[in-house]
Amino acid sequence: MFDVDGTLVRSMQSEAVLFPRACELALGIGYVSNDWNSYRTPSDAGIVTELVERHFDRPCTADDRRRVEDSFLALMRDAIESEPHTYREVAGAAGLLTQLRSRPDTFLAIATGGWGTSARLKLSAAGLNVDGIPLASSHDAEGKETIMRLALAR
């Protein structure tokens, strides 16, 4: 089981800038911290849920998450267009995936606290082919443990 950010794709630098910015733009709030450990549930959905509850004193909605996700994807696409190497393969990741895929006794899965859409965009931008590898993400659950269990089940 693999994570995306920092495990398969070198994306932590851009993530630290783009995700908070997407939250600020989509939710209309001021400063959003990129200290992921400061959030109760440090996943894309978990962070948005906490931000909405904290800033608007109401439950987070699917529309709140969708707006942040759309904003994040737009910022990511702009970054990839202006700087094609924004998302790079972690050295050896493609080779390792290829090698593991060739083993009949090995099953692969991807579990990410990011949204599936952004994870696939990062993986594609980094040149990693993950077609056919089950993926669980923040679309499926907020907590990383649950996301990992879903990836394992898939």
C-alpha atoms as a PDB file:
ATOM      1  CA  MET A   1       0.000   0.000   0.000  1.00  0.00           C
ATOM      2  CA  PHE A   2       1.382   3.360  -1.049  1.00  0.00           C
ATOM      3  CA  ASP A   3       0.610   6.957  -0.198  1.00  0.00           C
ATOM      4  CA  VAL A   4       0.922   9.585  -2.934  1.00  0.00           C
ATOM      5  CA  ASP A   5       2.438  12.753  -1.456  1.00  0.00           C
ATOM      6  CA  GLY A   6       6.069  12.216  -0.588  1.00  0.00           C
ATOM      7  CA  THR A   7       5.933   8.473  -1.286  1.00  0.00           C
ATOM      8  CA  LEU A   8       5.228   8.211  -5.015  1.00  0.00           C
ATOM      9  CA  VAL A   9       5.182  11.903  -5.969  1.00  0.00           C
ATOM     10  CA  ARG A  10       7.370  14.777  -4.828  1.00  0.00           C
ATOM     11  CA  SER A  11       4.515  17.119  -4.079  1.00  0.00           C
ATOM     12  CA  MET A  12       4.850  18.320  -0.520  1.00  0.00           C
ATOM     13  CA  GLN A  13       6.213  21.754  -1.450  1.00  0.00           C
ATOM     14  CA  SER A  14       3.395  22.590  -3.835  1.00  0.00           C
ATOM     15  CA  GLU A  15       0.806  21.001  -1.537  1.00  0.00           C
ATOM     16  CA  ALA A  16       1.883  23.303   1.294  1.00  0.00           C
ATOM     17  CA  VAL A  17       1.132  26.340  -0.883  1.00  0.00           C
ATOM     18  CA  LEU A  18      -1.717  25.281  -3.157  1.00  0.00           C
ATOM     19  CA  PHE A  19      -4.067  23.473  -0.766  1.00  0.00           C
ATOM     20  CA  PRO A  20      -4.271  26.300   1.802  1.00  0.00           C
ATOM     21  CA  ARG A  21      -4.707  28.803  -1.048  1.00  0.00           C
ATOM     22  CA  ALA A  22      -7.547  26.725  -2.519  1.00  0.00           C
ATOM     23  CA  CYS A  23      -9.275  26.721   0.881  1.00  0.00           C
ATOM     24  CA  GLU A  24      -8.847  30.467   1.248  1.00  0.00           C
ATOM     25  CA  LEU A  25     -10.233  31.166  -2.238  1.00  0.00           C
ATOM     26  CA  ALA A  26     -13.097  28.689  -2.190  1.00  0.00           C
ATOM     27  CA  LEU A  27     -14.280  29.372   1.349  1.00  0.00           C
ATOM     28  CA  GLY A  28     -13.514  33.081   1.462  1.00  0.00           C
ATOM     29  CA  ILE A  29     -11.425  32.871   4.612  1.00  0.00           C
ATOM     30  CA  GLY A  30      -8.146  34.521   5.506  1.00  0.00           C
ATOM     31  CA  TYR A  31      -5.138  32.495   6.518  1.00  0.00           C
ATOM     32  CA  VAL A  32      -5.157  28.684   6.305  1.00  0.00           C
ATOM     33  CA  SER A  33      -2.262  26.875   7.974  1.00  0.00           C
ATOM     34  CA  ASN A  34      -0.222  24.280   6.125  1.00  0.00           C
ATOM     35  CA  ASP A  35       0.783  22.649   9.414  1.00  0.00           C
ATOM     36  CA  TRP A  36      -1.153  19.449   8.707  1.00  0.00           C
ATOM     37  CA  ASN A  37      -0.542  18.204  12.252  1.00  0.00           C
ATOM     38  CA  SER A  38      -2.564  21.114  13.627  1.00  0.00           C
ATOM     39  CA  TYR A  39      -5.780  19.622  12.221  1.00  0.00           C
ATOM     40  CA  ARG A  40      -7.899  16.960  13.958  1.00  0.00           C
ATOM     41  CA  THR A  41      -8.102  14.921  10.756  1.00  0.00           C
ATOM     42  CA  PRO A  42      -5.288  15.885   8.368  1.00  0.00           C
ATOM     43  CA  SER A  43      -6.940  14.818   5.109  1.00  0.00           C
ATOM     44  CA  ASP A  44      -8.353  17.079   2.414  1.00  0.00           C
ATOM     45  CA  ALA A  45     -11.937  16.423   3.505  1.00  0.00           C
ATOM     46  CA  GLY A  46     -11.018  16.547   7.192  1.00  0.00           C
ATOM     47  CA  ILE A  47      -9.262  19.891   6.881  1.00  0.00           C
ATOM     48  CA  VAL A  48     -12.139  21.444   4.939  1.00  0.00           C
ATOM     49  CA  THR A  49     -14.618  20.106   7.504  1.00  0.00           C
ATOM     50  CA  GLU A  50     -12.627  21.651  10.352  1.00  0.00           C
ATOM     51  CA  LEU A  51     -12.185  24.982   8.573  1.00  0.00           C
ATOM     52  CA  VAL A  52     -15.906  25.302   7.839  1.00  0.00           C
ATOM     53  CA  GLU A  53     -16.867  24.364  11.407  1.00  0.00           C
ATOM     54  CA  ARG A  54     -14.318  26.764  12.892  1.00  0.00           C
ATOM     55  CA  HIS A  55     -14.946  29.755  10.616  1.00  0.00           C
ATOM     56  CA  PHE A  56     -18.672  29.459   9.944  1.00  0.00           C
ATOM     57  CA  ASP A  57     -19.926  27.582  13.021  1.00  0.00           C
ATOM     58  CA  ARG A  58     -21.902  25.109  10.921  1.00  0.00           C
ATOM     59  CA  PRO A  59     -21.474  21.610   9.526  1.00  0.00           C
ATOM     60  CA  CYS A  60     -19.438  21.221   6.363  1.00  0.00           C
ATOM     61  CA  THR A  61     -21.417  20.405   3.225  1.00  0.00           C
ATOM     62  CA  ALA A  62     -20.616  18.482   0.071  1.00  0.00           C
ATOM     63  CA  ASP A  63     -20.723  21.831  -1.739  1.00  0.00           C
ATOM     64  CA  ASP A  64     -18.017  23.252   0.571  1.00  0.00           C
ATOM     65  CA  ARG A  65     -15.765  20.299  -0.229  1.00  0.00           C
ATOM     66  CA  ARG A  66     -16.522  20.472  -3.953  1.00  0.00           C
ATOM     67  CA  ARG A  67     -15.666  24.186  -4.119  1.00  0.00           C
ATOM     68  CA  VAL A  68     -12.312  23.629  -2.389  1.00  0.00           C
ATOM     69  CA  GLU A  69     -11.566  20.590  -4.532  1.00  0.00           C
ATOM     70  CA  ASP A  70     -12.377  22.478  -7.753  1.00  0.00           C
ATOM     71  CA  SER A  71     -10.209  25.395  -6.647  1.00  0.00           C
ATOM     72  CA  PHE A  72      -7.356  23.071  -5.711  1.00  0.00           C
ATOM     73  CA  LEU A  73      -7.519  21.248  -9.056  1.00  0.00           C
ATOM     74  CA  ALA A  74      -7.491  24.558 -10.936  1.00  0.00           C
ATOM     75  CA  LEU A  75      -4.442  25.762  -8.970  1.00  0.00           C
ATOM     76  CA  MET A  76      -2.699  22.427  -9.572  1.00  0.00           C
ATOM     77  CA  ARG A  77      -3.379  22.553 -13.333  1.00  0.00           C
ATOM     78  CA  ASP A  78      -2.044  26.118 -13.477  1.00  0.00           C
ATOM     79  CA  ALA A  79       1.085  25.055 -11.586  1.00  0.00           C
ATOM     80  CA  ILE A  80       1.645  22.085 -13.894  1.00  0.00           C
ATOM     81  CA  GLU A  81       1.186  24.277 -16.965  1.00  0.00           C
ATOM     82  CA  SER A  82       3.576  26.974 -15.768  1.00  0.00           C
ATOM     83  CA  GLU A  83       6.066  24.603 -14.101  1.00  0.00           C
ATOM     84  CA  PRO A  84       5.754  21.107 -15.645  1.00  0.00           C
ATOM     85  CA  HIS A  85       8.049  19.622 -12.990  1.00  0.00           C
ATOM     86  CA  THR A  86       5.900  20.787 -10.068  1.00  0.00           C
ATOM     87  CA  TYR A  87       4.995  17.140  -9.459  1.00  0.00           C
ATOM     88  CA  ARG A  88       7.863  14.700  -9.943  1.00  0.00           C
ATOM     89  CA  GLU A  89       8.197  11.019  -9.352  1.00  0.00           C
ATOM     90  CA  VAL A  90       9.956  10.075  -6.137  1.00  0.00           C
ATOM     91  CA  ALA A  91      13.163   8.493  -7.412  1.00  0.00           C
ATOM     92  CA  GLY A  92      12.552   4.848  -8.240  1.00  0.00           C
ATOM     93  CA  ALA A  93       8.771   4.891  -7.735  1.00  0.00           C
ATOM     94  CA  ALA A  94       7.896   3.991 -11.337  1.00  0.00           C
ATOM     95  CA  GLY A  95      10.383   1.142 -11.400  1.00  0.00           C
ATOM     96  CA  LEU A  96       9.188  -0.201  -8.079  1.00  0.00           C
ATOM     97  CA  LEU A  97       5.546  -0.120  -9.180  1.00  0.00           C
ATOM     98  CA  THR A  98       6.449  -1.901 -12.421  1.00  0.00           C
ATOM     99  CA  GLN A  99       8.438  -4.537 -10.568  1.00  0.00           C
ATOM    100  CA  LEU A 100       5.722  -5.140  -7.969  1.00  0.00           C
ATOM    101  CA  ARG A 101       2.996  -5.319 -10.625  1.00  0.00           C
ATOM    102  CA  SER A 102       4.871  -8.136 -12.332  1.00  0.00           C
ATOM    103  CA  ARG A 103       4.772 -10.329  -9.225  1.00  0.00           C
ATOM    104  CA  PRO A 104       1.756 -12.640  -9.100  1.00  0.00           C
ATOM    105  CA  ASP A 105       1.966 -12.844  -5.300  1.00  0.00           C
ATOM    106  CA  THR A 106       1.788  -9.080  -4.766  1.00  0.00           C
ATOM    107  CA  PHE A 107      -1.264  -6.831  -4.694  1.00  0.00           C
ATOM    108  CA  LEU A 108      -0.973  -3.061  -4.775  1.00  0.00           C
ATOM    109  CA  ALA A 109      -3.192  -0.286  -3.474  1.00  0.00           C
ATOM    110  CA  ILE A 110      -2.943   3.456  -3.028  1.00  0.00           C
ATOM    111  CA  ALA A 111      -4.315   5.201   0.061  1.00  0.00           C
ATOM    112  CA  THR A 112      -4.191   8.972   0.198  1.00  0.00           C
ATOM    113  CA  GLY A 113      -5.557  11.642   2.496  1.00  0.00           C
ATOM    114  CA  GLY A 114      -5.939  13.783  -0.612  1.00  0.00           C
ATOM    115  CA  TRP A 115      -8.890  13.637  -2.959  1.00  0.00           C
ATOM    116  CA  GLY A 116      -8.794  10.960  -5.621  1.00  0.00           C
ATOM    117  CA  THR A 117      -8.993  13.575  -8.378  1.00  0.00           C
ATOM    118  CA  SER A 118      -5.972  15.492  -7.150  1.00  0.00           C
ATOM    119  CA  ALA A 119      -4.044  12.287  -6.438  1.00  0.00           C
ATOM    120  CA  ARG A 120      -4.598  11.056  -9.998  1.00  0.00           C
ATOM    121  CA  LEU A 121      -3.573  14.440 -11.402  1.00  0.00           C
ATOM    122  CA  LYS A 122      -0.345  14.412  -9.379  1.00  0.00           C
ATOM    123  CA  LEU A 123       0.437  10.816 -10.354  1.00  0.00           C
ATOM    124  CA  SER A 124      -0.193  11.558 -14.022  1.00  0.00           C
ATOM    125  CA  ALA A 125       1.875  14.754 -13.942  1.00  0.00           C
ATOM    126  CA  ALA A 126       4.723  12.763 -12.386  1.00  0.00           C
ATOM    127  CA  GLY A 127       4.484  10.220 -15.205  1.00  0.00           C
ATOM    128  CA  LEU A 128       3.328   7.351 -12.992  1.00  0.00           C
ATOM    129  CA  ASN A 129       0.939   4.830 -14.492  1.00  0.00           C
ATOM    130  CA  VAL A 130      -1.345   3.542 -11.762  1.00  0.00           C
ATOM    131  CA  ASP A 131      -4.096   2.198 -14.015  1.00  0.00           C
ATOM    132  CA  GLY A 132      -5.670  -0.817 -12.399  1.00  0.00           C
ATOM    133  CA  ILE A 133      -4.263  -0.113  -8.934  1.00  0.00           C
ATOM    134  CA  PRO A 134      -7.103   0.361  -6.431  1.00  0.00           C
ATOM    135  CA  LEU A 135      -7.146   3.812  -4.838  1.00  0.00           C
ATOM    136  CA  ALA A 136      -8.948   5.039  -1.726  1.00  0.00           C
ATOM    137  CA  SER A 137      -8.964   8.715  -0.876  1.00  0.00           C
ATOM    138  CA  SER A 138     -10.500  11.558   1.052  1.00  0.00           C
ATOM    139  CA  HIS A 139     -13.525  11.154  -1.240  1.00  0.00           C
ATOM    140  CA  ASP A 140     -14.175   7.872   0.543  1.00  0.00           C
ATOM    141  CA  ALA A 141     -13.527   8.864   4.172  1.00  0.00           C
ATOM    142  CA  GLU A 142     -11.946  11.625   6.254  1.00  0.00           C
ATOM    143  CA  GLY A 143      -9.695   9.520   8.459  1.00  0.00           C
ATOM    144  CA  LYS A 144      -6.508   8.008   7.083  1.00  0.00           C
ATOM    145  CA  GLU A 145      -7.016   4.721   8.921  1.00  0.00           C
ATOM    146  CA  THR A 146     -10.403   4.226   7.268  1.00  0.00           C
ATOM    147  CA  ILE A 147      -8.951   5.248   3.907  1.00  0.00           C
ATOM    148  CA  MET A 148      -6.223   2.636   4.305  1.00  0.00           C
ATOM    149  CA  ARG A 149      -8.747  -0.062   5.212  1.00  0.00           C
ATOM    150  CA  LEU A 150     -10.796   0.787   2.115  1.00  0.00           C
ATOM    151  CA  ALA A 151      -7.701   0.637  -0.090  1.00  0.00           C
ATOM    152  CA  LEU A 152      -6.849  -2.746   1.389  1.00  0.00           C
ATOM    153  CA  ALA A 153     -10.366  -4.057   0.779  1.00  0.00           C
ATOM    154  CA  ARG A 154     -10.268  -2.868  -2.829  1.00  0.00           C
END
